[in-house]
Amino acid sequence: MTAAERHAMLTAEDDVLLRDCDLIMQKGTGNGGQKINKTSSAVRLRHRPTGIAVSANEERSQFRNRHIAFRKLRYEIALQIRADDFSLSGEAFECLPAPSPSNHARLIPWAAALFDRLAASDFDLVKTAELCGVSTSQLEHVLRKYPQLWRSFSEAGNRIKQNGGVPD
């Protein structure tokens, strides 16, 4: 997948992204009292082109859970799918200032670009910080600011260590 194709997926409206997804409504679990057993408010999405599946049952509203599931799907695409045409000599990337956690329209494409650079440097913070023109501590601070990004970064680094320093 090219960077442009991934960017189009990450910035597409929910209805456009839904065309490539299997949407499953199911009964949720957790808080909600008796209502939780009567309505199918939980949402599960499976993105056919990437195979990524996410679910949302945080809210009692199916509409709200659907919105949350699409946001989760975009995050997972950004964190897991690398651009085939990525090159370190490509477009400029501003690591700092990092987008606001509430600005998903900017945060998700930014996270995808950051993870392209992390992957290109085998998830080495020092190398990636050099690529981004920031200090290692600044990059670590940015990643830790977003728990989902930090978790994905840590998991990728652990996989590389388990493979003897070879990326997946």
Protein backbone atom coordinates (compact mmCIF):
# COMPACT_ATOMS: atom_id res chain seq x y z
CA MET A 1 0.00 0.00 0.00
CA THR A 2 1.37 3.40 -0.92
CA ALA A 3 1.52 6.30 1.51
CA ALA A 4 -1.15 8.10 -0.54
CA GLU A 5 -3.51 5.10 -0.40
CA ARG A 6 -3.01 4.77 3.35
CA HIS A 7 -3.52 8.50 3.85
CA ALA A 8 -6.77 8.32 1.87
CA MET A 9 -7.96 5.51 4.17
CA LEU A 10 -6.96 7.39 7.31
CA THR A 11 -8.73 10.58 6.29
CA ALA A 12 -11.81 9.07 4.60
CA GLU A 13 -15.28 9.62 5.99
CA ASP A 14 -16.70 6.70 7.96
CA ASP A 15 -19.17 5.83 5.19
CA VAL A 16 -16.37 5.64 2.61
CA LEU A 17 -14.22 3.46 4.87
CA LEU A 18 -17.23 1.25 5.61
CA ARG A 19 -17.24 0.08 1.95
CA ASP A 20 -14.09 -1.94 2.70
CA CYS A 21 -15.27 -3.24 6.06
CA ASP A 22 -17.43 -5.98 7.49
CA LEU A 23 -19.69 -4.38 10.11
CA ILE A 24 -21.06 -6.62 12.85
CA MET A 25 -23.49 -5.43 15.49
CA GLN A 26 -23.55 -7.52 18.65
CA LYS A 27 -24.69 -7.42 22.22
CA GLY A 28 -22.21 -5.68 24.43
CA THR A 29 -20.70 -6.68 27.71
CA GLY A 30 -20.02 -4.67 30.81
CA ASN A 31 -21.97 -1.88 32.46
CA GLY A 32 -25.41 -0.94 31.23
CA GLY A 33 -27.78 -2.94 33.37
CA GLN A 34 -30.53 -4.90 31.71
CA LYS A 35 -30.35 -2.78 28.56
CA ILE A 36 -26.99 -4.34 27.66
CA ASN A 37 -28.67 -7.70 27.08
CA LYS A 38 -31.53 -6.31 24.98
CA THR A 39 -29.78 -4.19 22.37
CA SER A 40 -26.95 -4.83 19.96
CA SER A 41 -24.95 -1.75 20.87
CA ALA A 42 -21.44 -3.21 20.48
CA VAL A 43 -19.79 -2.77 17.09
CA ARG A 44 -17.09 -4.87 15.45
CA LEU A 45 -15.32 -3.79 12.26
CA ARG A 46 -13.05 -5.90 10.09
CA HIS A 47 -11.17 -4.05 7.38
CA ARG A 48 -10.97 -6.51 4.49
CA PRO A 49 -7.89 -5.08 2.66
CA THR A 50 -5.70 -5.15 5.79
CA GLY A 51 -7.38 -7.82 7.91
CA ILE A 52 -7.40 -5.49 10.91
CA ALA A 53 -10.36 -5.98 13.26
CA VAL A 54 -11.48 -3.69 16.06
CA SER A 55 -14.48 -3.54 18.35
CA ALA A 56 -16.14 -0.90 20.48
CA ASN A 57 -18.62 -1.36 23.30
CA GLU A 58 -17.65 1.56 25.51
CA GLU A 59 -20.98 3.35 25.13
CA ARG A 60 -24.62 2.30 25.39
CA SER A 61 -25.27 3.87 22.00
CA GLN A 62 -24.61 1.84 18.86
CA PHE A 63 -24.11 5.07 16.90
CA ARG A 64 -21.42 6.26 19.31
CA ASN A 65 -19.73 2.84 19.39
CA ARG A 66 -19.62 2.81 15.60
CA HIS A 67 -17.83 6.16 15.62
CA ILE A 68 -15.36 4.88 18.24
CA ALA A 69 -14.74 1.69 16.22
CA PHE A 70 -13.88 3.69 13.09
CA ARG A 71 -11.45 5.82 15.09
CA LYS A 72 -9.83 2.66 16.51
CA LEU A 73 -9.61 1.19 13.02
CA ARG A 74 -7.84 4.26 11.69
CA TYR A 75 -5.36 4.12 14.61
CA GLU A 76 -4.61 0.46 13.94
CA ILE A 77 -4.10 1.06 10.22
CA ALA A 78 -1.75 3.95 11.04
CA LEU A 79 0.25 1.88 13.52
CA GLN A 80 0.38 -1.44 11.65
CA ILE A 81 0.40 -0.67 7.93
CA ARG A 82 3.66 0.69 6.56
CA ALA A 83 3.86 2.58 3.28
CA ASP A 84 5.51 0.55 0.50
CA ASP A 85 6.84 3.70 -1.13
CA PHE A 86 8.27 5.27 2.05
CA SER A 87 11.77 6.62 1.71
CA LEU A 88 13.84 8.56 4.19
CA SER A 89 14.57 11.17 1.53
CA GLY A 90 10.83 11.75 1.08
CA GLU A 91 8.71 14.62 2.29
CA ALA A 92 9.64 16.61 5.37
CA PHE A 93 8.09 15.43 8.60
CA GLU A 94 7.63 17.60 11.65
CA CYS A 95 7.69 15.43 14.73
CA LEU A 96 7.22 18.42 16.98
CA PRO A 97 4.92 19.94 17.92
CA ALA A 98 2.87 16.80 18.26
CA PRO A 99 -0.85 17.05 17.47
CA SER A 100 -3.36 17.31 20.26
CA PRO A 101 -4.72 13.93 21.39
CA SER A 102 -8.24 15.18 20.65
CA ASN A 103 -7.38 16.22 17.07
CA HIS A 104 -7.78 12.79 15.46
CA ALA A 105 -7.89 14.21 11.93
CA ARG A 106 -4.27 15.35 12.32
CA LEU A 107 -3.03 12.85 14.92
CA ILE A 108 -3.72 9.64 13.00
CA PRO A 109 -1.85 10.56 9.74
CA TRP A 110 0.95 12.03 11.89
CA ALA A 111 1.21 8.73 13.82
CA ALA A 112 1.39 6.78 10.53
CA ALA A 113 4.26 8.99 9.29
CA LEU A 114 6.07 8.66 12.63
CA PHE A 115 5.71 4.87 12.60
CA ASP A 116 7.08 4.76 9.03
CA ARG A 117 10.21 6.43 10.38
CA LEU A 118 10.34 4.18 13.43
CA ALA A 119 10.06 1.09 11.24
CA ALA A 120 12.74 2.40 8.86
CA SER A 121 15.12 2.66 11.83
CA ASP A 122 14.11 -0.74 13.30
CA PHE A 123 12.22 0.98 16.12
CA ASP A 124 15.45 2.45 17.50
CA LEU A 125 14.60 5.71 19.33
CA VAL A 126 18.06 7.21 18.82
CA LYS A 127 18.06 6.64 15.04
CA THR A 128 14.46 7.81 14.69
CA ALA A 129 15.12 10.95 16.72
CA GLU A 130 17.98 11.79 14.36
CA LEU A 131 15.69 11.25 11.35
CA CYS A 132 13.08 13.55 12.88
CA GLY A 133 15.57 16.20 13.99
CA VAL A 134 14.66 15.96 17.68
CA SER A 135 16.39 14.64 20.78
CA THR A 136 15.82 11.09 21.93
CA SER A 137 14.15 12.31 25.12
CA GLN A 138 11.80 14.55 23.13
CA LEU A 139 10.79 11.63 20.92
CA GLU A 140 10.26 9.36 23.90
CA HIS A 141 8.18 12.07 25.60
CA VAL A 142 6.01 12.42 22.48
CA LEU A 143 5.44 8.65 22.26
CA ARG A 144 4.61 8.36 25.96
CA LYS A 145 2.09 11.21 25.61
CA TYR A 146 -0.09 8.81 23.63
CA PRO A 147 -0.42 5.46 25.47
CA GLN A 148 -1.57 3.62 22.34
CA LEU A 149 1.49 4.82 20.39
CA TRP A 150 3.85 3.92 23.23
CA ARG A 151 2.31 0.45 23.55
CA SER A 152 2.61 -0.21 19.80
CA PHE A 153 6.19 1.09 19.76
CA SER A 154 7.13 -1.14 22.71
CA GLU A 155 5.48 -4.21 21.17
CA ALA A 156 7.28 -3.67 17.85
CA GLY A 157 10.61 -3.24 19.65
CA ASN A 158 10.02 -6.44 21.62
CA ARG A 159 9.21 -8.38 18.42
CA ILE A 160 12.48 -7.19 16.88
CA LYS A 161 14.43 -8.28 19.97
CA GLN A 162 12.75 -11.70 19.90
CA ASN A 163 13.65 -12.10 16.22
CA GLY A 164 17.32 -11.47 16.98
CA GLY A 165 17.32 -7.87 15.78
CA VAL A 166 15.47 -8.60 12.53
CA PRO A 167 12.19 -6.71 11.90
CA ASP A 168 9.03 -8.69 10.98
